[in-house]
Amino acid sequence: MNPLRTLPKIDKCLAHPLFQDANATWVMKIAREKIETLRQALLCKELEYVDEEALMLEIKKAYDALFTPSLKPLINATGVILHTNMGRSLISKTLLERASTVICNYSNLEYNLEEGCRGERYEHVSHHLKALLGVEDVLVVNNNASAVFLILNTFAKAKEVIVSRGELVEIGGSFRIPEVMKQSGATLVEVGATNKTKKSDYENAISENTVMLMKVHQSNFSIEGFSEALCYEEIKRLATQHSLLDYYDLGSGYLPKLPYNLGNREHSLHEILTCNPSLISFSGDKLFGSVQAGIIAGRADLIAQLKKNQLLRMLRVDKITLSLLEESIKAYLKEEWEEIPTLWLLFRSIEELTQRALHVKEVIGEPYCELVKSETYMGGGTLPNRKFPTIALHVKGKATLLERKFRENFVIGRIEEDKFLLDFRTILPHNEATLISIIQRIIGY
């Protein structure tokens, strides 16, 4: 028999029970591609005949893969709250539901209800942000890198900006402050040494072409030992004396008092804003705990100039971001800390984490796991080298093998001292039952 006769017709594929509820257009497309591949294999005598049922399963597998989301929910058991590779800040379901009222309907995004004419999208979130931060005005763009670029391009194009050499950071994805400044059109003037920058370094670098003194937070590293840096208050004072703009790129900003001693190098937004900065910018996610966005705050006249920059059209945020950010800010105003998951996770006490870990240990059983006291980091380019106490569950067995098996079940833990750990600093309570089931399945309980 001619082996080509074993190839099924497309109509037969479409009529197969596997595709009863499937989209016929995509079944047809996938079936044609699979059948053509098999046809070529038969002609080249690489294949003797076609197994029809095996082909149907292959088509079904390809069809299912097409409609399987690439983004998947994970259980973060690494202990790193702002894990960049896992999406950083979480959004609470409560805030998502509140925002959905606007997101799922037409809205007055750029419509002035009082005047019946075109409005400005940034007015909605700015009302609550100004109240929260106590500043003259604010502007929101799509991330903090955009905020930095917009500010430099608006005020320092073809002008000099003075920055400490010890603050020329590289953030994730190899984005470097010097390169961002270059692309914005600003001229970087770096001062001081890597470990020490003094007031005199800034003063000696000021020229007739200088327009701004810029401070950049060392978001993902710290300089220890023999070091010195000029505080923002001094930079602000110096800028005012020379009629220059001062700008603080915070990278990440936090509002409430954190439950751990971070030393004198991490200042809250409120502490920085008491200096009355010309401009500051920070991420809407990270320590602020909301959506990805770049929040710019400061003088109203400077914000007005930023809004006139044609780049803003390319950097603007959509209604989903604005709606979620506004709900997060309202939660701050109401002090609903439980609705800011980043802060909620950070604020959990060791006692609470211990009780939750003990519960899981008791269900799993003593021979299979044990509690471990450990330390973790905030992550996400925030609070560099600041450790936080935590409690983890050590699942006994070969660490590398367990890491792979748990990862295959969408649980991401960490290996520490050749032990596989599930860190309760980042395990959400509603995921505990699922986690117990996964542990039991992996250890063959």
Protein backbone atom coordinates (compact mmCIF):
# COMPACT_ATOMS: atom_id res chain seq x y z
CA MET A 1 0.00 0.00 0.00
CA ASN A 2 1.17 3.48 -0.81
CA PRO A 3 2.29 4.92 2.57
CA LEU A 4 0.91 8.34 1.57
CA ARG A 5 -2.58 6.83 1.83
CA THR A 6 -2.06 6.59 5.60
CA LEU A 7 -2.13 10.38 5.83
CA PRO A 8 -5.57 11.44 7.11
CA LYS A 9 -7.56 14.19 5.42
CA ILE A 10 -7.93 17.54 7.16
CA ASP A 11 -11.70 16.99 7.49
CA LYS A 12 -11.05 13.82 9.47
CA CYS A 13 -8.83 15.74 11.87
CA LEU A 14 -11.48 18.40 12.38
CA ALA A 15 -14.12 15.74 13.08
CA HIS A 16 -12.01 13.94 15.67
CA PRO A 17 -13.53 13.93 19.21
CA LEU A 18 -10.37 15.58 20.59
CA PHE A 19 -11.32 18.77 18.73
CA GLN A 20 -15.02 18.85 19.46
CA ASP A 21 -14.83 22.18 21.29
CA ALA A 22 -11.70 23.52 19.61
CA ASN A 23 -11.33 26.47 17.24
CA ALA A 24 -11.55 24.91 13.76
CA THR A 25 -9.34 27.53 12.11
CA TRP A 26 -6.38 26.76 14.35
CA VAL A 27 -6.93 23.00 14.30
CA MET A 28 -6.87 23.17 10.50
CA LYS A 29 -3.68 25.27 10.44
CA ILE A 30 -1.82 22.99 12.87
CA ALA A 31 -3.09 19.82 11.17
CA ARG A 32 -1.89 21.01 7.76
CA GLU A 33 1.58 21.78 9.11
CA LYS A 34 1.84 18.41 10.87
CA ILE A 35 0.53 16.45 7.87
CA GLU A 36 2.92 18.23 5.48
CA THR A 37 5.85 17.37 7.72
CA LEU A 38 4.78 13.72 7.74
CA ARG A 39 4.26 13.77 3.97
CA GLN A 40 7.86 14.87 3.43
CA ALA A 41 9.08 12.19 5.84
CA LEU A 42 7.15 9.50 3.90
CA LEU A 43 8.48 10.71 0.56
CA CYS A 44 12.04 10.61 1.88
CA LYS A 45 11.36 7.16 3.28
CA GLU A 46 12.20 8.41 6.80
CA LEU A 47 8.81 7.06 7.82
CA GLU A 48 6.94 3.92 6.68
CA TYR A 49 3.39 4.90 7.63
CA VAL A 50 1.41 7.39 9.73
CA ASP A 51 -0.02 6.44 13.11
CA GLU A 52 -3.28 8.38 12.91
CA GLU A 53 -4.04 8.45 16.66
CA ALA A 54 -0.49 9.54 17.44
CA LEU A 55 -0.90 12.34 14.91
CA MET A 56 -4.16 13.47 16.51
CA LEU A 57 -2.45 13.62 19.90
CA GLU A 58 0.39 15.66 18.40
CA ILE A 59 -2.08 18.10 16.88
CA LYS A 60 -3.91 18.36 20.22
CA LYS A 61 -0.64 18.95 22.06
CA ALA A 62 0.33 21.77 19.68
CA TYR A 63 -3.18 23.23 19.91
CA ASP A 64 -3.15 23.22 23.72
CA ALA A 65 0.34 24.76 23.77
CA LEU A 66 -0.91 27.63 21.59
CA PHE A 67 -3.56 28.58 24.16
CA THR A 68 -1.53 27.89 27.30
CA PRO A 69 -0.46 31.17 28.92
CA SER A 70 3.27 31.78 29.03
CA LEU A 71 2.94 33.73 32.28
CA LYS A 72 2.18 31.37 35.15
CA PRO A 73 1.51 31.94 38.86
CA LEU A 74 4.37 30.82 41.09
CA ILE A 75 4.78 30.19 44.79
CA ASN A 76 7.71 32.36 45.79
CA ALA A 77 9.54 30.48 48.54
CA THR A 78 12.90 32.20 48.00
CA GLY A 79 12.40 34.70 50.81
CA VAL A 80 13.11 37.61 48.44
CA ILE A 81 10.00 39.78 48.58
CA LEU A 82 10.76 42.00 45.57
CA HIS A 83 12.04 39.25 43.32
CA THR A 84 12.68 40.96 39.97
CA ASN A 85 12.45 37.69 38.02
CA MET A 86 9.06 36.94 39.57
CA GLY A 87 7.33 40.25 39.05
CA ARG A 88 8.41 42.25 42.12
CA SER A 89 5.43 43.80 43.93
CA LEU A 90 2.11 41.98 44.19
CA ILE A 91 -1.31 43.56 43.79
CA SER A 92 -3.95 42.56 46.30
CA LYS A 93 -7.18 41.07 44.97
CA THR A 94 -9.13 43.72 46.87
CA LEU A 95 -7.39 46.58 45.06
CA LEU A 96 -7.71 44.75 41.74
CA GLU A 97 -11.47 44.41 42.28
CA ARG A 98 -11.77 48.08 43.21
CA ALA A 99 -9.85 49.12 40.10
CA SER A 100 -11.83 46.76 37.86
CA THR A 101 -14.87 49.03 38.18
CA VAL A 102 -13.00 51.56 36.06
CA ILE A 103 -10.87 49.19 33.98
CA CYS A 104 -13.85 47.15 32.77
CA ASN A 105 -15.96 50.19 31.81
CA TYR A 106 -15.59 53.35 29.81
CA SER A 107 -14.18 56.05 32.08
CA ASN A 108 -13.31 59.73 32.29
CA LEU A 109 -9.63 58.94 31.65
CA GLU A 110 -9.20 62.03 29.50
CA TYR A 111 -12.66 63.53 29.82
CA ASN A 112 -13.49 66.53 32.01
CA LEU A 113 -16.93 65.78 33.48
CA GLU A 114 -17.42 69.34 34.76
CA GLU A 115 -16.59 71.10 31.49
CA GLY A 116 -17.69 68.38 29.06
CA CYS A 117 -14.42 68.54 27.17
CA ARG A 118 -11.05 66.81 26.89
CA GLY A 119 -9.29 66.36 30.22
CA GLU A 120 -5.87 65.22 31.43
CA ARG A 121 -5.26 61.60 32.42
CA TYR A 122 -2.72 62.50 35.12
CA GLU A 123 -5.15 64.59 37.15
CA HIS A 124 -6.86 61.50 38.58
CA VAL A 125 -3.86 59.95 40.32
CA SER A 126 -2.15 63.28 41.06
CA HIS A 127 -4.95 64.38 43.43
CA HIS A 128 -4.30 61.47 45.80
CA LEU A 129 -0.51 61.44 45.31
CA LYS A 130 -0.19 65.12 46.18
CA ALA A 131 -2.19 64.52 49.35
CA LEU A 132 -0.07 61.51 50.28
CA LEU A 133 3.33 63.09 49.60
CA GLY A 134 2.52 66.69 50.45
CA VAL A 135 4.10 68.07 47.25
CA GLU A 136 3.09 70.75 44.77
CA ASP A 137 2.58 68.40 41.85
CA VAL A 138 3.31 64.93 40.48
CA LEU A 139 3.61 63.15 37.15
CA VAL A 140 3.47 59.42 36.43
CA VAL A 141 5.32 57.71 33.56
CA ASN A 142 5.80 54.03 32.72
CA ASN A 143 8.84 53.34 34.95
CA ASN A 144 11.55 55.14 36.89
CA ALA A 145 14.10 54.82 34.08
CA SER A 146 11.63 56.79 31.94
CA ALA A 147 11.31 59.35 34.72
CA VAL A 148 15.08 59.84 34.82
CA PHE A 149 15.27 60.13 31.03
CA LEU A 150 12.37 62.60 30.81
CA ILE A 151 13.75 64.85 33.55
CA LEU A 152 17.25 64.97 32.06
CA ASN A 153 15.99 65.48 28.52
CA THR A 154 13.67 68.30 29.62
CA PHE A 155 16.04 70.28 31.82
CA ALA A 156 19.58 69.21 30.93
CA LYS A 157 19.73 68.67 27.18
CA ALA A 158 23.13 69.98 26.02
CA LYS A 159 23.78 71.03 29.62
CA GLU A 160 25.92 69.62 32.42
CA VAL A 161 24.63 67.46 35.27
CA ILE A 162 26.94 66.78 38.20
CA VAL A 163 26.79 63.31 39.77
CA SER A 164 29.01 61.54 42.29
CA ARG A 165 31.21 58.85 40.74
CA GLY A 166 30.05 56.47 43.46
CA GLU A 167 26.44 56.84 42.28
CA LEU A 168 26.84 55.92 38.60
CA VAL A 169 24.86 52.75 39.04
CA GLU A 170 23.92 49.99 36.64
CA ILE A 171 20.38 48.68 37.10
CA GLY A 172 18.89 45.43 35.81
CA GLY A 173 19.32 44.55 32.16
CA SER A 174 22.63 46.45 31.89
CA PHE A 175 20.98 49.89 31.91
CA ARG A 176 23.56 52.35 33.20
CA ILE A 177 23.04 55.88 34.46
CA PRO A 178 25.87 57.32 32.27
CA GLU A 179 24.29 55.77 29.16
CA VAL A 180 20.79 56.99 30.08
CA MET A 181 22.21 60.48 30.57
CA LYS A 182 24.03 60.34 27.23
CA GLN A 183 20.89 59.26 25.37
CA SER A 184 18.87 62.02 27.05
CA GLY A 185 21.23 64.64 25.66
CA ALA A 186 22.65 65.64 29.06
CA THR A 187 26.38 65.92 29.68
CA LEU A 188 27.58 63.93 32.65
CA VAL A 189 30.11 65.52 34.96
CA GLU A 190 31.25 62.91 37.47
CA VAL A 191 32.91 64.09 40.64
CA GLY A 192 34.72 62.56 43.61
CA ALA A 193 36.17 59.09 43.92
CA THR A 194 34.35 55.77 43.90
CA ASN A 195 34.25 55.63 47.69
CA LYS A 196 34.36 59.33 48.63
CA THR A 197 32.64 62.42 47.30
CA LYS A 198 32.79 65.69 49.23
CA LYS A 199 30.98 68.99 49.03
CA SER A 200 34.07 70.63 47.54
CA ASP A 201 33.98 68.12 44.65
CA TYR A 202 30.57 69.42 43.62
CA GLU A 203 31.56 73.06 44.15
CA ASN A 204 34.71 72.77 42.04
CA ALA A 205 32.80 71.15 39.17
CA ILE A 206 30.08 73.80 38.85
CA SER A 207 30.46 75.82 35.65
CA GLU A 208 28.39 78.22 33.57
CA ASN A 209 27.02 75.21 31.68
CA THR A 210 25.88 73.37 34.83
CA VAL A 211 22.13 73.12 35.20
CA MET A 212 21.57 70.35 37.78
CA LEU A 213 23.02 68.56 40.79
CA MET A 214 21.77 64.99 40.74
CA LYS A 215 21.86 62.36 43.45
CA VAL A 216 21.32 58.69 42.55
CA HIS A 217 20.42 56.09 45.16
CA GLN A 218 22.79 53.11 45.24
CA SER A 219 19.86 50.79 44.78
CA ASN A 220 21.63 47.47 44.21
CA PHE A 221 24.99 47.87 45.99
CA SER A 222 26.58 49.62 48.96
CA ILE A 223 30.03 50.99 49.66
CA GLU A 224 31.29 49.97 53.07
CA GLY A 225 34.35 51.00 55.07
CA PHE A 226 36.37 54.11 54.17
CA SER A 227 33.63 56.03 52.38
CA GLU A 228 31.84 59.37 52.36
CA ALA A 229 28.89 60.78 50.43
CA LEU A 230 27.16 64.13 50.50
CA CYS A 231 23.64 63.88 51.92
CA TYR A 232 20.75 65.10 49.83
CA GLU A 233 20.06 68.00 52.18
CA GLU A 234 23.55 69.37 51.48
CA ILE A 235 23.15 68.87 47.74
CA LYS A 236 19.84 70.74 47.87
CA ARG A 237 21.44 73.60 49.78
CA LEU A 238 24.36 73.80 47.36
CA ALA A 239 22.05 73.77 44.33
CA THR A 240 19.98 76.60 45.80
CA GLN A 241 23.10 78.69 46.47
CA HIS A 242 24.13 78.41 42.82
CA SER A 243 20.59 78.71 41.35
CA LEU A 244 20.70 75.13 40.04
CA LEU A 245 18.12 72.38 39.97
CA ASP A 246 18.44 69.54 42.45
CA TYR A 247 17.15 66.09 41.55
CA TYR A 248 17.12 62.87 43.56
CA ASP A 249 16.69 59.63 41.63
CA LEU A 250 15.53 57.44 44.51
CA GLY A 251 14.93 54.34 42.43
CA SER A 252 12.66 53.01 45.17
CA GLY A 253 10.77 54.94 47.80
CA TYR A 254 8.99 53.88 50.96
CA LEU A 255 6.56 55.72 53.21
CA PRO A 256 5.78 53.92 56.50
CA LYS A 257 8.37 53.24 59.15
CA LEU A 258 9.97 49.89 58.36
CA PRO A 259 10.11 47.25 61.11
CA TYR A 260 13.90 46.88 60.93
CA ASN A 261 16.84 49.17 61.60
CA LEU A 262 18.25 50.13 58.20
CA GLY A 263 20.92 52.50 59.46
CA ASN A 264 21.15 56.15 58.42
CA ARG A 265 21.52 55.60 54.68
CA GLU A 266 17.93 54.65 53.90
CA HIS A 267 15.53 57.55 54.23
CA SER A 268 11.79 57.45 53.76
CA LEU A 269 10.00 59.61 51.22
CA HIS A 270 8.70 61.83 54.00
CA GLU A 271 12.24 62.42 55.33
CA ILE A 272 13.51 63.34 51.87
CA LEU A 273 10.51 65.53 51.10
CA THR A 274 11.19 67.66 54.19
CA CYS A 275 14.17 68.98 52.20
CA ASN A 276 11.68 70.42 49.69
CA PRO A 277 13.44 68.95 46.63
CA SER A 278 13.03 70.46 43.20
CA LEU A 279 12.36 66.99 41.80
CA ILE A 280 12.48 63.39 42.98
CA SER A 281 11.53 60.19 41.20
CA PHE A 282 10.94 56.62 42.32
CA SER A 283 9.32 53.37 41.19
CA GLY A 284 5.64 52.71 41.69
CA ASP A 285 6.41 49.07 42.43
CA LYS A 286 9.45 48.03 44.52
CA LEU A 287 9.12 49.35 48.10
CA PHE A 288 6.12 51.50 47.23
CA GLY A 289 4.36 48.21 46.55
CA SER A 290 2.11 49.06 43.63
CA VAL A 291 2.30 48.71 39.83
CA GLN A 292 5.31 49.38 37.65
CA ALA A 293 5.45 53.12 37.09
CA GLY A 294 7.80 56.06 37.45
CA ILE A 295 6.52 58.64 39.94
CA ILE A 296 7.93 62.17 39.64
CA ALA A 297 7.19 64.66 42.42
CA GLY A 298 8.28 68.21 43.12
CA ARG A 299 7.75 71.80 42.08
CA ALA A 300 4.62 72.53 40.07
CA ASP A 301 6.44 74.73 37.52
CA LEU A 302 8.93 71.94 36.78
CA ILE A 303 6.20 69.29 36.46
CA ALA A 304 4.41 71.62 34.02
CA GLN A 305 7.54 71.75 31.85
CA LEU A 306 7.83 67.95 31.91
CA LYS A 307 4.26 67.67 30.63
CA LYS A 308 5.16 69.81 27.61
CA ASN A 309 7.98 67.48 26.54
CA GLN A 310 6.91 65.54 23.42
CA LEU A 311 8.55 62.42 24.90
CA LEU A 312 5.76 62.18 27.46
CA ARG A 313 3.42 60.78 24.80
CA MET A 314 5.78 57.80 24.42
CA LEU A 315 6.26 57.34 28.16
CA ARG A 316 2.69 57.75 29.38
CA VAL A 317 0.82 55.09 31.36
CA ASP A 318 -2.54 53.54 30.50
CA LYS A 319 -5.83 53.40 32.41
CA ILE A 320 -5.00 50.02 33.99
CA THR A 321 -1.80 51.34 35.56
CA LEU A 322 -3.43 54.57 36.68
CA SER A 323 -6.45 52.78 38.17
CA LEU A 324 -4.34 50.29 40.15
CA LEU A 325 -1.88 52.96 41.27
CA GLU A 326 -4.70 55.20 42.45
CA GLU A 327 -6.21 52.36 44.50
CA SER A 328 -2.81 51.67 46.07
CA ILE A 329 -2.40 55.34 47.01
CA LYS A 330 -5.89 55.39 48.54
CA ALA A 331 -4.94 52.30 50.58
CA TYR A 332 -1.92 54.25 51.85
CA LEU A 333 -4.11 57.20 52.79
CA LYS A 334 -6.42 54.86 54.72
CA GLU A 335 -3.42 52.99 56.21
CA GLU A 336 -4.75 49.71 54.82
CA TRP A 337 -1.33 48.06 55.00
CA GLU A 338 -2.82 44.61 54.42
CA GLU A 339 -3.72 45.76 50.90
CA ILE A 340 -0.05 46.51 50.10
CA PRO A 341 1.33 42.92 49.94
CA THR A 342 4.97 44.03 49.72
CA LEU A 343 4.72 45.82 53.06
CA TRP A 344 2.47 43.12 54.56
CA LEU A 345 5.09 40.43 53.86
CA LEU A 346 7.92 42.60 55.17
CA PHE A 347 6.04 43.40 58.39
CA ARG A 348 5.39 39.75 59.37
CA SER A 349 7.04 38.89 62.69
CA ILE A 350 9.33 35.91 63.21
CA GLU A 351 6.76 34.51 65.64
CA GLU A 352 4.05 34.54 62.99
CA LEU A 353 6.31 32.98 60.36
CA THR A 354 7.35 30.30 62.85
CA GLN A 355 3.74 29.34 63.60
CA ARG A 356 2.91 29.01 59.91
CA ALA A 357 6.03 26.95 59.21
CA LEU A 358 5.31 24.71 62.23
CA HIS A 359 1.84 24.00 60.90
CA VAL A 360 3.23 22.81 57.58
CA LYS A 361 5.93 20.78 59.34
CA GLU A 362 3.34 19.03 61.51
CA VAL A 363 1.27 18.08 58.47
CA ILE A 364 4.28 16.80 56.52
CA GLY A 365 5.95 15.04 59.42
CA GLU A 366 9.20 15.33 61.41
CA PRO A 367 11.31 12.89 59.32
CA TYR A 368 10.82 14.87 56.13
CA CYS A 369 11.46 18.47 57.16
CA GLU A 370 12.72 20.80 59.87
CA LEU A 371 12.51 24.51 60.71
CA VAL A 372 15.54 26.71 60.04
CA LYS A 373 16.24 30.26 61.18
CA SER A 374 17.77 32.27 58.37
CA GLU A 375 18.16 35.71 56.81
CA THR A 376 17.01 37.10 53.49
CA TYR A 377 17.10 40.25 51.37
CA MET A 378 14.43 42.60 50.04
CA GLY A 379 15.59 42.33 46.41
CA GLY A 380 14.35 44.28 43.40
CA GLY A 381 17.20 46.78 43.55
CA THR A 382 16.25 48.00 47.03
CA LEU A 383 17.91 48.10 50.44
CA PRO A 384 21.25 46.63 49.24
CA ASN A 385 23.03 44.32 51.70
CA ARG A 386 20.27 44.78 54.30
CA LYS A 387 19.39 41.40 55.78
CA PHE A 388 16.02 40.52 57.30
CA PRO A 389 15.30 37.67 59.72
CA THR A 390 13.17 34.84 58.38
CA ILE A 391 12.00 31.28 59.00
CA ALA A 392 12.32 28.54 56.40
CA LEU A 393 11.32 24.91 56.10
CA HIS A 394 14.21 22.61 55.22
CA VAL A 395 12.85 19.79 53.04
CA LYS A 396 15.26 16.91 53.56
CA GLY A 397 16.91 15.28 50.56
CA LYS A 398 19.34 16.13 47.78
CA ALA A 399 19.06 19.92 47.44
CA THR A 400 19.60 20.23 43.68
CA LEU A 401 17.12 17.46 42.91
CA LEU A 402 14.48 18.96 45.21
CA GLU A 403 15.02 22.42 43.71
CA ARG A 404 14.28 21.04 40.24
CA LYS A 405 11.24 19.00 41.33
CA PHE A 406 9.68 21.92 43.18
CA ARG A 407 10.41 24.25 40.25
CA GLU A 408 8.62 21.81 37.92
CA ASN A 409 5.61 22.27 40.23
CA PHE A 410 5.90 26.06 40.06
CA VAL A 411 7.40 26.42 43.55
CA ILE A 412 10.65 28.38 43.63
CA GLY A 413 12.74 27.82 46.75
CA ARG A 414 16.42 28.37 47.46
CA ILE A 415 19.49 26.32 48.36
CA GLU A 416 21.46 27.39 51.41
CA GLU A 417 24.37 25.41 52.88
CA ASP A 418 23.41 22.48 50.65
CA LYS A 419 19.86 22.48 52.04
CA PHE A 420 16.72 23.08 50.02
CA LEU A 421 14.64 25.72 51.83
CA LEU A 422 11.08 26.99 51.52
CA ASP A 423 11.18 30.50 53.01
CA PHE A 424 7.95 31.63 54.72
CA ARG A 425 8.85 35.32 54.42
CA THR A 426 7.40 35.22 50.89
CA ILE A 427 4.92 32.33 50.99
CA LEU A 428 1.42 33.79 50.85
CA PRO A 429 -1.02 32.23 53.37
CA HIS A 430 -3.55 31.29 50.69
CA ASN A 431 -0.84 29.20 48.96
CA GLU A 432 -0.06 27.03 52.00
CA ALA A 433 -2.58 24.26 51.25
CA THR A 434 -1.29 23.97 47.68
CA LEU A 435 2.29 23.95 48.94
CA ILE A 436 1.54 21.13 51.41
CA SER A 437 0.03 19.07 48.60
CA ILE A 438 3.08 19.64 46.40
CA ILE A 439 5.50 18.71 49.20
CA GLN A 440 3.59 15.51 49.89
CA ARG A 441 3.58 14.58 46.21
CA ILE A 442 7.32 15.22 45.77
CA ILE A 443 8.47 13.32 48.86
CA GLY A 444 6.08 10.45 48.11
CA TYR A 445 4.07 11.00 51.25
